[in-house]
Amino acid sequence: MSEESLFSTLVEAVHARLEDGTRLLVGISGAPGAGKSTLAARLASAFPGSVVVPMDGFHLANAELRRLGHADRKGAPFTFDVNGFAALLRRVRARDEDIVYAPSFDHVQNEPIAGSIPVPAAAELVITEGNYLLYWEPVRRLLDFKVHASADPSVRIAGLIERQIAKGLTPEAAHEWVMRSDEANARLVEEFAYLADLSLPR
């Protein structure tokens, strides 16, 4: 099936689950570099008024990672505030506030930015995306529709290396980081892919 056909399948599945006056919380999981952010943005563009809330906004700050001794594993499950993420998703699901503010993630500063994504009560579709949506049970049970995105490993790894080089690492250091950290995370993510309601290979 072509990428366009797969995307059409996703849009149709979301349409089928949306009901007037209710809110649908869709989660897009996948390994690092699988295209989750791109897919979430594209899905949001197909549904005017929808909002994307990325899991990456719940990265622990770099200073805290250094204090904990986890700076060399940034991106692993234990380097996120999972309880804070789940608490925000519960507020989003409740839809009893005029607006909920979610954090985003600045890939240049490599830091989360608090209160930068407004989620108004009028938004009927809220999309969240991140590596561990299926791995974290407190997050998984809050999602109405779970999607897992996958990509060819060689393409995905090449893109991750380019991303690390863009952040200032040498090609050698970028390769070491991706193969040691990102790929360890990818293996964990894929173990839980079977829990998705819909799988989208690329």
Foldseek 3Di string as FASTA:
>chain_A
DDLVVLLVVVLVVVVVPFDPPAAAEEEEAAAQQLCFVVSVVVSCVVPPLEEEAEQLLFFAFCVVCVVVVNNLQGQAPVRGPVVVVLVQLVVLNVLPDQWDFHWDADLQVRHIDGRPTIRGSPHRYYYYYYHCCQVDPSNVVSHPAYEYGGEDVVVSLVVQLVSVVVNPDDSVVSNVSCVPHRVVSNVVSVVRNVVGPYYHYD
